[in-house]
Amino acid sequence: MATLKRPKLSGKCVYCMNSYSLATIGRHLISCEKRREQLSKGKTHKTFILSIKGIGVTGYTYWMFLEVNPRLKLQDLDAFLRKRWVECCSHLSQFLINGQYYISDGAKEPGEKSMNYKLKDLLKEGAEFLYEYDFGTTTILKLKVIKVDEGMEDSIGILAINEAPKIPCAICGKEDATQICTECLYEGEETAFFCDKCAEKHEHDDMLLPLVNSPRTGMCGYTG
């Protein structure tokens, strides 16, 4: 499968709406004046600020920063990631934390651990771990607790997410691509991205998927 090299994506802080690079957004979220102002107006509790990154077949590194209540369980984070970024065909999934796998119910074998564990019991500031969705055409996400902070989120909230990449159509080069050909990708071709008009004339029209803002785009049957 082709993995193209692309420029890094920027994204906006949901509080101040300013754009930041992946390299700077984490530091900004911790000190964002607008966020701190909001926190000062309500009841707060300990929260995890998580960074999540995944490289897609488009060649881009997609990223997201979350505020997550530490009292939630791994299965809650799994459900969020599925809904927001990866779910396509009800595939199995797992977390890898400190060398231990925590596996979704449908995949768990005797003696293996489920996702029925609270985040606060497994993670601390600086902890890095992995999430895998689909054990066939696997999407791998890298997660890190960049800060144990104060927050108001009772569940999981998005603090920042990368802006959707703009990939030019491989045929006309004028319009932004909206479709991705999975056949061309698996043949190792780099010209797998098409605008709607050019996609209509593509020979593999039955292998097209919508190009969406997710590291899962172009994989399996993911449509966003």
C-alpha atoms as a PDB file:
ATOM      1  CA  MET A   1       0.000   0.000   0.000  1.00  0.00           C
ATOM      2  CA  ALA A   2       1.275   3.471  -0.838  1.00  0.00           C
ATOM      3  CA  THR A   3       2.104   5.808   2.038  1.00  0.00           C
ATOM      4  CA  LEU A   4       2.676   9.293   0.703  1.00  0.00           C
ATOM      5  CA  LYS A   5       4.742  11.979   2.408  1.00  0.00           C
ATOM      6  CA  ARG A   6       2.660  15.028   3.153  1.00  0.00           C
ATOM      7  CA  PRO A   7       3.122  18.347   4.979  1.00  0.00           C
ATOM      8  CA  LYS A   8       2.041  18.462   8.619  1.00  0.00           C
ATOM      9  CA  LEU A   9      -1.529  19.472   9.394  1.00  0.00           C
ATOM     10  CA  SER A  10      -2.538  22.359  11.632  1.00  0.00           C
ATOM     11  CA  GLY A  11      -5.688  22.611  13.709  1.00  0.00           C
ATOM     12  CA  LYS A  12      -7.700  25.024  15.853  1.00  0.00           C
ATOM     13  CA  CYS A  13      -8.099  25.216  19.608  1.00  0.00           C
ATOM     14  CA  VAL A  14     -11.840  24.979  20.365  1.00  0.00           C
ATOM     15  CA  TYR A  15     -11.522  27.692  23.019  1.00  0.00           C
ATOM     16  CA  CYS A  16      -9.633  30.521  21.295  1.00  0.00           C
ATOM     17  CA  MET A  17     -10.109  29.276  17.695  1.00  0.00           C
ATOM     18  CA  ASN A  18      -6.504  30.080  16.806  1.00  0.00           C
ATOM     19  CA  SER A  19      -4.609  27.647  14.568  1.00  0.00           C
ATOM     20  CA  TYR A  20      -1.600  25.707  15.804  1.00  0.00           C
ATOM     21  CA  SER A  21       0.726  23.042  14.500  1.00  0.00           C
ATOM     22  CA  LEU A  22       0.901  19.582  16.012  1.00  0.00           C
ATOM     23  CA  ALA A  23       4.216  20.576  17.582  1.00  0.00           C
ATOM     24  CA  THR A  24       2.710  23.538  19.452  1.00  0.00           C
ATOM     25  CA  ILE A  25      -0.968  22.722  20.094  1.00  0.00           C
ATOM     26  CA  GLY A  26      -0.298  20.599  23.196  1.00  0.00           C
ATOM     27  CA  ARG A  27       1.594  23.360  24.992  1.00  0.00           C
ATOM     28  CA  HIS A  28      -1.034  25.863  23.957  1.00  0.00           C
ATOM     29  CA  LEU A  29      -3.958  23.844  25.323  1.00  0.00           C
ATOM     30  CA  ILE A  30      -2.339  23.637  28.748  1.00  0.00           C
ATOM     31  CA  SER A  31      -1.881  27.418  28.961  1.00  0.00           C
ATOM     32  CA  CYS A  32      -4.736  28.714  26.727  1.00  0.00           C
ATOM     33  CA  GLU A  33      -6.115  31.841  28.425  1.00  0.00           C
ATOM     34  CA  LYS A  34      -9.610  31.294  27.021  1.00  0.00           C
ATOM     35  CA  ARG A  35      -9.680  27.747  28.403  1.00  0.00           C
ATOM     36  CA  ARG A  36      -8.360  28.871  31.786  1.00  0.00           C
ATOM     37  CA  GLU A  37     -10.983  31.597  31.884  1.00  0.00           C
ATOM     38  CA  GLN A  38     -13.709  29.028  31.229  1.00  0.00           C
ATOM     39  CA  LEU A  39     -12.359  26.717  33.933  1.00  0.00           C
ATOM     40  CA  SER A  40     -12.403  29.541  36.481  1.00  0.00           C
ATOM     41  CA  LYS A  41     -16.166  29.897  36.041  1.00  0.00           C
ATOM     42  CA  GLY A  42     -17.188  26.376  36.976  1.00  0.00           C
ATOM     43  CA  LYS A  43     -16.557  23.386  39.204  1.00  0.00           C
ATOM     44  CA  THR A  44     -13.480  21.479  38.086  1.00  0.00           C
ATOM     45  CA  HIS A  45     -11.960  18.061  38.700  1.00  0.00           C
ATOM     46  CA  LYS A  46      -8.854  16.196  37.653  1.00  0.00           C
ATOM     47  CA  THR A  47      -8.736  15.447  33.937  1.00  0.00           C
ATOM     48  CA  PHE A  48      -6.445  13.813  31.415  1.00  0.00           C
ATOM     49  CA  ILE A  49      -5.392  15.777  28.355  1.00  0.00           C
ATOM     50  CA  LEU A  50      -4.687  13.162  25.709  1.00  0.00           C
ATOM     51  CA  SER A  51      -2.907  13.526  22.392  1.00  0.00           C
ATOM     52  CA  ILE A  52      -3.854  11.003  19.720  1.00  0.00           C
ATOM     53  CA  LYS A  53      -2.033  10.536  16.398  1.00  0.00           C
ATOM     54  CA  GLY A  54      -2.489   8.210  13.468  1.00  0.00           C
ATOM     55  CA  ILE A  55      -0.871   8.042  10.027  1.00  0.00           C
ATOM     56  CA  GLY A  56      -3.290   7.370   7.196  1.00  0.00           C
ATOM     57  CA  VAL A  57      -2.834   5.960   3.696  1.00  0.00           C
ATOM     58  CA  THR A  58      -3.008   9.553   2.475  1.00  0.00           C
ATOM     59  CA  GLY A  59       0.427  10.110   4.034  1.00  0.00           C
ATOM     60  CA  TYR A  60      -0.866  12.646   6.532  1.00  0.00           C
ATOM     61  CA  THR A  61      -0.528  12.377  10.294  1.00  0.00           C
ATOM     62  CA  TYR A  62      -4.023  12.973  11.659  1.00  0.00           C
ATOM     63  CA  TRP A  63      -4.251  14.192  15.237  1.00  0.00           C
ATOM     64  CA  MET A  64      -6.693  15.013  17.968  1.00  0.00           C
ATOM     65  CA  PHE A  65      -6.433  16.304  21.546  1.00  0.00           C
ATOM     66  CA  LEU A  66      -9.025  15.319  24.110  1.00  0.00           C
ATOM     67  CA  GLU A  67     -10.049  16.165  27.633  1.00  0.00           C
ATOM     68  CA  VAL A  68     -10.972  12.848  29.238  1.00  0.00           C
ATOM     69  CA  ASN A  69     -12.474  12.180  32.655  1.00  0.00           C
ATOM     70  CA  PRO A  70     -10.073   9.723  34.383  1.00  0.00           C
ATOM     71  CA  ARG A  71     -13.031   7.925  35.978  1.00  0.00           C
ATOM     72  CA  LEU A  72     -14.082   6.624  32.567  1.00  0.00           C
ATOM     73  CA  LYS A  73     -13.116   3.131  31.455  1.00  0.00           C
ATOM     74  CA  LEU A  74     -11.065   1.995  28.487  1.00  0.00           C
ATOM     75  CA  GLN A  75     -14.269   0.814  26.863  1.00  0.00           C
ATOM     76  CA  ASP A  76     -15.579   4.413  26.958  1.00  0.00           C
ATOM     77  CA  LEU A  77     -12.475   5.672  25.170  1.00  0.00           C
ATOM     78  CA  ASP A  78     -12.775   2.799  22.702  1.00  0.00           C
ATOM     79  CA  ALA A  79     -16.398   3.769  21.977  1.00  0.00           C
ATOM     80  CA  PHE A  80     -15.397   7.402  21.413  1.00  0.00           C
ATOM     81  CA  LEU A  81     -12.549   6.553  19.039  1.00  0.00           C
ATOM     82  CA  ARG A  82     -14.803   4.213  17.090  1.00  0.00           C
ATOM     83  CA  LYS A  83     -17.549   6.808  16.688  1.00  0.00           C
ATOM     84  CA  ARG A  84     -15.268   9.753  15.923  1.00  0.00           C
ATOM     85  CA  TRP A  85     -12.474   8.219  13.859  1.00  0.00           C
ATOM     86  CA  VAL A  86     -12.423   4.522  12.960  1.00  0.00           C
ATOM     87  CA  GLU A  87     -15.667   2.524  13.053  1.00  0.00           C
ATOM     88  CA  CYS A  88     -16.599   0.857   9.775  1.00  0.00           C
ATOM     89  CA  CYS A  89     -17.571  -2.801  10.108  1.00  0.00           C
ATOM     90  CA  SER A  90     -17.754  -3.479  13.864  1.00  0.00           C
ATOM     91  CA  HIS A  91     -14.181  -4.773  13.927  1.00  0.00           C
ATOM     92  CA  LEU A  92     -12.369  -5.833  17.089  1.00  0.00           C
ATOM     93  CA  SER A  93      -9.991  -3.488  18.905  1.00  0.00           C
ATOM     94  CA  GLN A  94      -7.424  -3.373  21.695  1.00  0.00           C
ATOM     95  CA  PHE A  95      -5.271  -1.059  23.800  1.00  0.00           C
ATOM     96  CA  LEU A  96      -1.633  -1.796  24.622  1.00  0.00           C
ATOM     97  CA  ILE A  97      -0.602  -0.210  27.930  1.00  0.00           C
ATOM     98  CA  ASN A  98       2.705  -1.008  29.657  1.00  0.00           C
ATOM     99  CA  GLY A  99       3.030  -4.263  27.710  1.00  0.00           C
ATOM    100  CA  GLN A 100      -0.489  -5.433  28.579  1.00  0.00           C
ATOM    101  CA  TYR A 101      -3.280  -5.820  26.024  1.00  0.00           C
ATOM    102  CA  TYR A 102      -6.831  -4.790  26.942  1.00  0.00           C
ATOM    103  CA  ILE A 103      -9.120  -6.307  24.353  1.00  0.00           C
ATOM    104  CA  SER A 104     -12.681  -5.623  23.200  1.00  0.00           C
ATOM    105  CA  ASP A 105     -15.179  -8.208  24.416  1.00  0.00           C
ATOM    106  CA  GLY A 106     -15.569 -10.046  21.123  1.00  0.00           C
ATOM    107  CA  ALA A 107     -11.828 -10.800  20.929  1.00  0.00           C
ATOM    108  CA  LYS A 108     -10.958 -11.564  24.527  1.00  0.00           C
ATOM    109  CA  GLU A 109      -9.570 -15.030  25.209  1.00  0.00           C
ATOM    110  CA  PRO A 110      -9.493 -16.712  28.642  1.00  0.00           C
ATOM    111  CA  GLY A 111      -6.856 -15.069  30.821  1.00  0.00           C
ATOM    112  CA  GLU A 112      -6.737 -11.867  28.752  1.00  0.00           C
ATOM    113  CA  LYS A 113      -7.875  -8.544  30.125  1.00  0.00           C
ATOM    114  CA  SER A 114     -10.986  -6.705  28.991  1.00  0.00           C
ATOM    115  CA  MET A 115     -11.464  -2.936  28.610  1.00  0.00           C
ATOM    116  CA  ASN A 116     -13.425  -2.809  31.867  1.00  0.00           C
ATOM    117  CA  TYR A 117     -10.706  -0.813  33.657  1.00  0.00           C
ATOM    118  CA  LYS A 118     -10.790   2.822  34.717  1.00  0.00           C
ATOM    119  CA  LEU A 119      -8.285   5.111  33.047  1.00  0.00           C
ATOM    120  CA  LYS A 120      -7.123   6.523  36.375  1.00  0.00           C
ATOM    121  CA  ASP A 121      -6.002   3.056  37.439  1.00  0.00           C
ATOM    122  CA  LEU A 122      -3.866   2.482  34.347  1.00  0.00           C
ATOM    123  CA  LEU A 123      -2.550   5.861  33.231  1.00  0.00           C
ATOM    124  CA  LYS A 124      -0.556   8.754  34.620  1.00  0.00           C
ATOM    125  CA  GLU A 125       0.979  11.945  33.237  1.00  0.00           C
ATOM    126  CA  GLY A 126       3.443  11.132  30.465  1.00  0.00           C
ATOM    127  CA  ALA A 127       2.021   7.653  29.832  1.00  0.00           C
ATOM    128  CA  GLU A 128       2.197   6.546  26.201  1.00  0.00           C
ATOM    129  CA  PHE A 129       0.073   3.722  24.826  1.00  0.00           C
ATOM    130  CA  LEU A 130      -1.378   2.288  21.616  1.00  0.00           C
ATOM    131  CA  TYR A 131      -4.843   1.619  20.238  1.00  0.00           C
ATOM    132  CA  GLU A 132      -5.480  -0.804  17.383  1.00  0.00           C
ATOM    133  CA  TYR A 133      -8.728  -1.101  15.466  1.00  0.00           C
ATOM    134  CA  ASP A 134      -9.361  -4.006  13.053  1.00  0.00           C
ATOM    135  CA  PHE A 135      -6.888  -6.867  13.226  1.00  0.00           C
ATOM    136  CA  GLY A 136      -6.947  -7.282   9.437  1.00  0.00           C
ATOM    137  CA  THR A 137      -6.646  -3.838   7.870  1.00  0.00           C
ATOM    138  CA  THR A 138      -5.364  -2.290  11.073  1.00  0.00           C
ATOM    139  CA  THR A 139      -5.530   1.360  12.053  1.00  0.00           C
ATOM    140  CA  ILE A 140      -2.967   2.132  14.763  1.00  0.00           C
ATOM    141  CA  LEU A 141      -3.252   5.197  16.980  1.00  0.00           C
ATOM    142  CA  LYS A 142      -0.582   6.501  19.348  1.00  0.00           C
ATOM    143  CA  LEU A 143      -1.897   8.091  22.531  1.00  0.00           C
ATOM    144  CA  LYS A 144      -0.199  10.048  25.298  1.00  0.00           C
ATOM    145  CA  VAL A 145      -1.339  11.665  28.540  1.00  0.00           C
ATOM    146  CA  ILE A 146       0.379  14.997  28.027  1.00  0.00           C
ATOM    147  CA  LYS A 147      -1.011  16.526  31.218  1.00  0.00           C
ATOM    148  CA  VAL A 148      -3.042  15.707  34.309  1.00  0.00           C
ATOM    149  CA  ASP A 149      -4.921  18.979  34.571  1.00  0.00           C
ATOM    150  CA  GLU A 150      -8.098  20.573  35.860  1.00  0.00           C
ATOM    151  CA  GLY A 151     -11.183  20.257  33.669  1.00  0.00           C
ATOM    152  CA  MET A 152     -14.972  20.313  33.633  1.00  0.00           C
ATOM    153  CA  GLU A 153     -15.688  17.565  31.099  1.00  0.00           C
ATOM    154  CA  ASP A 154     -17.752  14.733  32.623  1.00  0.00           C
ATOM    155  CA  SER A 155     -17.010  12.436  29.711  1.00  0.00           C
ATOM    156  CA  ILE A 156     -14.783  13.080  26.682  1.00  0.00           C
ATOM    157  CA  GLY A 157     -14.442  16.395  24.867  1.00  0.00           C
ATOM    158  CA  ILE A 158     -12.402  17.442  21.849  1.00  0.00           C
ATOM    159  CA  LEU A 159      -9.958  20.267  22.586  1.00  0.00           C
ATOM    160  CA  ALA A 160      -8.431  20.396  19.101  1.00  0.00           C
ATOM    161  CA  ILE A 161      -8.418  18.358  15.918  1.00  0.00           C
ATOM    162  CA  ASN A 162      -6.471  18.712  12.693  1.00  0.00           C
ATOM    163  CA  GLU A 163      -8.096  20.552   9.833  1.00  0.00           C
ATOM    164  CA  ALA A 164      -9.000  18.355   6.881  1.00  0.00           C
ATOM    165  CA  PRO A 165      -6.120  18.065   4.411  1.00  0.00           C
ATOM    166  CA  LYS A 166      -6.610  19.386   0.895  1.00  0.00           C
ATOM    167  CA  ILE A 167      -5.336  16.895  -1.663  1.00  0.00           C
ATOM    168  CA  PRO A 168      -5.514  17.922  -5.345  1.00  0.00           C
ATOM    169  CA  CYS A 169      -7.305  15.656  -7.783  1.00  0.00           C
ATOM    170  CA  ALA A 170      -4.793  13.353  -9.494  1.00  0.00           C
ATOM    171  CA  ILE A 171      -6.460  13.869 -12.897  1.00  0.00           C
ATOM    172  CA  CYS A 172      -7.494  17.501 -13.264  1.00  0.00           C
ATOM    173  CA  GLY A 173      -5.269  18.960 -10.536  1.00  0.00           C
ATOM    174  CA  LYS A 174      -7.713  21.846 -10.162  1.00  0.00           C
ATOM    175  CA  GLU A 175     -10.257  20.581  -7.685  1.00  0.00           C
ATOM    176  CA  ASP A 176      -9.722  19.130  -4.226  1.00  0.00           C
ATOM    177  CA  ALA A 177     -10.023  15.357  -4.068  1.00  0.00           C
ATOM    178  CA  THR A 178     -13.183  13.977  -2.476  1.00  0.00           C
ATOM    179  CA  GLN A 179     -12.777  10.295  -3.370  1.00  0.00           C
ATOM    180  CA  ILE A 180     -10.021   7.753  -2.837  1.00  0.00           C
ATOM    181  CA  CYS A 181      -9.506   4.602  -4.923  1.00  0.00           C
ATOM    182  CA  THR A 182      -8.549   1.674  -2.711  1.00  0.00           C
ATOM    183  CA  GLU A 183      -7.533  -0.416  -5.722  1.00  0.00           C
ATOM    184  CA  CYS A 184      -4.960   2.151  -6.825  1.00  0.00           C
ATOM    185  CA  LEU A 185      -3.631   2.436  -3.278  1.00  0.00           C
ATOM    186  CA  TYR A 186      -3.080  -1.288  -2.910  1.00  0.00           C
ATOM    187  CA  GLU A 187      -1.366  -1.395  -6.303  1.00  0.00           C
ATOM    188  CA  GLY A 188       1.137   1.096  -4.933  1.00  0.00           C
ATOM    189  CA  GLU A 189      -0.020   4.000  -7.083  1.00  0.00           C
ATOM    190  CA  GLU A 190       0.196   7.541  -5.774  1.00  0.00           C
ATOM    191  CA  THR A 191      -2.552   8.840  -8.065  1.00  0.00           C
ATOM    192  CA  ALA A 192      -5.466   7.463  -6.074  1.00  0.00           C
ATOM    193  CA  PHE A 193      -7.271  10.712  -5.208  1.00  0.00           C
ATOM    194  CA  PHE A 194     -10.026  12.225  -7.352  1.00  0.00           C
ATOM    195  CA  CYS A 195     -12.579  15.012  -7.341  1.00  0.00           C
ATOM    196  CA  ASP A 196     -16.213  14.006  -7.828  1.00  0.00           C
ATOM    197  CA  LYS A 197     -16.225  14.779 -11.545  1.00  0.00           C
ATOM    198  CA  CYS A 198     -13.034  12.885 -12.360  1.00  0.00           C
ATOM    199  CA  ALA A 199     -14.034   9.980 -10.118  1.00  0.00           C
ATOM    200  CA  GLU A 200     -17.001   9.348 -12.393  1.00  0.00           C
ATOM    201  CA  LYS A 201     -14.571   8.469 -15.203  1.00  0.00           C
ATOM    202  CA  HIS A 202     -12.186   6.360 -13.106  1.00  0.00           C
ATOM    203  CA  GLU A 203     -11.860   2.717 -14.187  1.00  0.00           C
ATOM    204  CA  HIS A 204     -12.147   1.417 -10.623  1.00  0.00           C
ATOM    205  CA  ASP A 205     -15.384   3.263  -9.845  1.00  0.00           C
ATOM    206  CA  ASP A 206     -16.587   0.363  -7.683  1.00  0.00           C
ATOM    207  CA  MET A 207     -13.524   0.701  -5.427  1.00  0.00           C
ATOM    208  CA  LEU A 208     -13.991   4.341  -4.473  1.00  0.00           C
ATOM    209  CA  LEU A 209     -14.466   5.550  -0.910  1.00  0.00           C
ATOM    210  CA  PRO A 210     -15.096   9.105   0.329  1.00  0.00           C
ATOM    211  CA  LEU A 211     -11.980  10.975   1.374  1.00  0.00           C
ATOM    212  CA  VAL A 212     -12.619  11.931   4.989  1.00  0.00           C
ATOM    213  CA  ASN A 213     -10.660  13.582   7.799  1.00  0.00           C
ATOM    214  CA  SER A 214      -9.530  10.432   9.588  1.00  0.00           C
ATOM    215  CA  PRO A 215      -6.511   8.089   9.653  1.00  0.00           C
ATOM    216  CA  ARG A 216      -9.005   5.362   8.700  1.00  0.00           C
ATOM    217  CA  THR A 217      -9.887   6.959   5.358  1.00  0.00           C
ATOM    218  CA  GLY A 218      -9.360   4.644   2.390  1.00  0.00           C
ATOM    219  CA  MET A 219      -9.248   1.542   4.587  1.00  0.00           C
ATOM    220  CA  CYS A 220     -11.724  -1.348   4.604  1.00  0.00           C
ATOM    221  CA  GLY A 221     -15.212   0.149   4.184  1.00  0.00           C
ATOM    222  CA  TYR A 222     -14.701   3.355   6.177  1.00  0.00           C
ATOM    223  CA  THR A 223     -16.912   6.229   5.050  1.00  0.00           C
ATOM    224  CA  GLY A 224     -16.644   8.549   8.063  1.00  0.00           C
END
